[in-house]
Amino acid sequence: MDMGEIVKWTKAEVNHIKVSLGRCDAQQLANELGRAKENVERKIREIEIKERLARLSTFVKKENGSSD
């Protein structure tokens, strides 16, 4: 993943995080941060998979002589 790229979060994802954080005490905040970290890691894996699939698709098209 290109670290210079900005990850796009949906408005629903951002709103969920804001609302959740607003309702937390210290322990809940720690728990929420743990879940947020998992969400960020999952989002990074999603992006990496999409990038790999795009590269694979481009490679297959080149190998098959397709110009699509």
C-alpha atoms as a PDB file:
ATOM      1  CA  MET A   1       0.000   0.000   0.000  1.00  0.00           C
ATOM      2  CA  ASP A   2       1.282   3.444  -0.900  1.00  0.00           C
ATOM      3  CA  MET A   3       1.583   5.172   2.468  1.00  0.00           C
ATOM      4  CA  GLY A   4       1.221   8.554   0.759  1.00  0.00           C
ATOM      5  CA  GLU A   5      -2.294   7.584  -0.275  1.00  0.00           C
ATOM      6  CA  ILE A   6      -5.151   8.873   1.855  1.00  0.00           C
ATOM      7  CA  VAL A   7      -7.492   6.134   3.046  1.00  0.00           C
ATOM      8  CA  LYS A   8     -11.103   7.070   2.398  1.00  0.00           C
ATOM      9  CA  TRP A   9     -13.438   6.299   5.295  1.00  0.00           C
ATOM     10  CA  THR A  10     -17.172   6.369   4.768  1.00  0.00           C
ATOM     11  CA  LYS A  11     -19.218   8.949   6.647  1.00  0.00           C
ATOM     12  CA  ALA A  12     -20.925   6.092   8.514  1.00  0.00           C
ATOM     13  CA  GLU A  13     -17.559   4.704   9.685  1.00  0.00           C
ATOM     14  CA  VAL A  14     -16.375   8.111  10.897  1.00  0.00           C
ATOM     15  CA  ASN A  15     -19.703   8.862  12.584  1.00  0.00           C
ATOM     16  CA  HIS A  16     -19.726   5.477  14.348  1.00  0.00           C
ATOM     17  CA  ILE A  17     -16.253   6.103  15.750  1.00  0.00           C
ATOM     18  CA  LYS A  18     -17.126   9.654  16.880  1.00  0.00           C
ATOM     19  CA  VAL A  19     -20.338   8.559  18.606  1.00  0.00           C
ATOM     20  CA  SER A  20     -18.660   5.566  20.237  1.00  0.00           C
ATOM     21  CA  LEU A  21     -15.771   7.643  21.565  1.00  0.00           C
ATOM     22  CA  GLY A  22     -18.151  10.260  22.936  1.00  0.00           C
ATOM     23  CA  ARG A  23     -19.875   7.643  25.109  1.00  0.00           C
ATOM     24  CA  CYS A  24     -16.745   6.106  26.642  1.00  0.00           C
ATOM     25  CA  ASP A  25     -15.093   6.246  30.055  1.00  0.00           C
ATOM     26  CA  ALA A  26     -11.350   5.468  30.311  1.00  0.00           C
ATOM     27  CA  GLN A  27     -11.718   1.662  30.140  1.00  0.00           C
ATOM     28  CA  GLN A  28     -14.303   1.818  27.395  1.00  0.00           C
ATOM     29  CA  LEU A  29     -12.037   4.210  25.508  1.00  0.00           C
ATOM     30  CA  ALA A  30      -9.181   1.700  25.725  1.00  0.00           C
ATOM     31  CA  ASN A  31     -11.509  -1.026  24.455  1.00  0.00           C
ATOM     32  CA  GLU A  32     -12.777   1.200  21.647  1.00  0.00           C
ATOM     33  CA  LEU A  33      -9.231   2.095  20.610  1.00  0.00           C
ATOM     34  CA  GLY A  34      -8.445  -1.615  20.412  1.00  0.00           C
ATOM     35  CA  ARG A  35     -11.446  -2.153  18.148  1.00  0.00           C
ATOM     36  CA  ALA A  36     -10.515   0.912  16.078  1.00  0.00           C
ATOM     37  CA  LYS A  37      -7.018  -0.499  15.587  1.00  0.00           C
ATOM     38  CA  GLU A  38      -8.542  -3.761  14.362  1.00  0.00           C
ATOM     39  CA  ASN A  39     -10.797  -1.814  11.974  1.00  0.00           C
ATOM     40  CA  VAL A  40      -7.840   0.147  10.593  1.00  0.00           C
ATOM     41  CA  GLU A  41      -5.822  -3.034  10.118  1.00  0.00           C
ATOM     42  CA  ARG A  42      -8.798  -4.679   8.371  1.00  0.00           C
ATOM     43  CA  LYS A  43      -9.218  -1.638   6.099  1.00  0.00           C
ATOM     44  CA  ILE A  44      -5.500  -1.754   5.202  1.00  0.00           C
ATOM     45  CA  ARG A  45      -5.791  -5.470   4.338  1.00  0.00           C
ATOM     46  CA  GLU A  46      -8.853  -4.690   2.176  1.00  0.00           C
ATOM     47  CA  ILE A  47      -6.939  -2.030   0.265  1.00  0.00           C
ATOM     48  CA  GLU A  48      -3.907  -4.284  -0.166  1.00  0.00           C
ATOM     49  CA  ILE A  49      -6.098  -7.093  -1.522  1.00  0.00           C
ATOM     50  CA  LYS A  50      -7.813  -4.718  -3.967  1.00  0.00           C
ATOM     51  CA  GLU A  51      -4.417  -3.458  -5.154  1.00  0.00           C
ATOM     52  CA  ARG A  52      -3.134  -7.034  -5.623  1.00  0.00           C
ATOM     53  CA  LEU A  53      -6.240  -7.986  -7.578  1.00  0.00           C
ATOM     54  CA  ALA A  54      -5.870  -4.919  -9.796  1.00  0.00           C
ATOM     55  CA  ARG A  55      -2.218  -5.782 -10.503  1.00  0.00           C
ATOM     56  CA  LEU A  56      -3.122  -9.422 -11.171  1.00  0.00           C
ATOM     57  CA  SER A  57      -5.910  -8.381 -13.517  1.00  0.00           C
ATOM     58  CA  THR A  58      -3.533  -6.085 -15.408  1.00  0.00           C
ATOM     59  CA  PHE A  59      -0.937  -8.864 -15.625  1.00  0.00           C
ATOM     60  CA  VAL A  60      -3.473 -11.406 -16.917  1.00  0.00           C
ATOM     61  CA  LYS A  61      -4.759  -8.956 -19.521  1.00  0.00           C
ATOM     62  CA  LYS A  62      -1.199  -8.308 -20.724  1.00  0.00           C
ATOM     63  CA  GLU A  63      -0.424 -12.049 -20.833  1.00  0.00           C
ATOM     64  CA  ASN A  64      -3.568 -12.716 -22.866  1.00  0.00           C
ATOM     65  CA  GLY A  65      -2.909  -9.801 -25.203  1.00  0.00           C
ATOM     66  CA  SER A  66      -6.106  -8.052 -24.176  1.00  0.00           C
ATOM     67  CA  SER A  67      -6.231  -4.278 -24.487  1.00  0.00           C
ATOM     68  CA  ASP A  68      -9.274  -3.773 -22.202  1.00  0.00           C
END
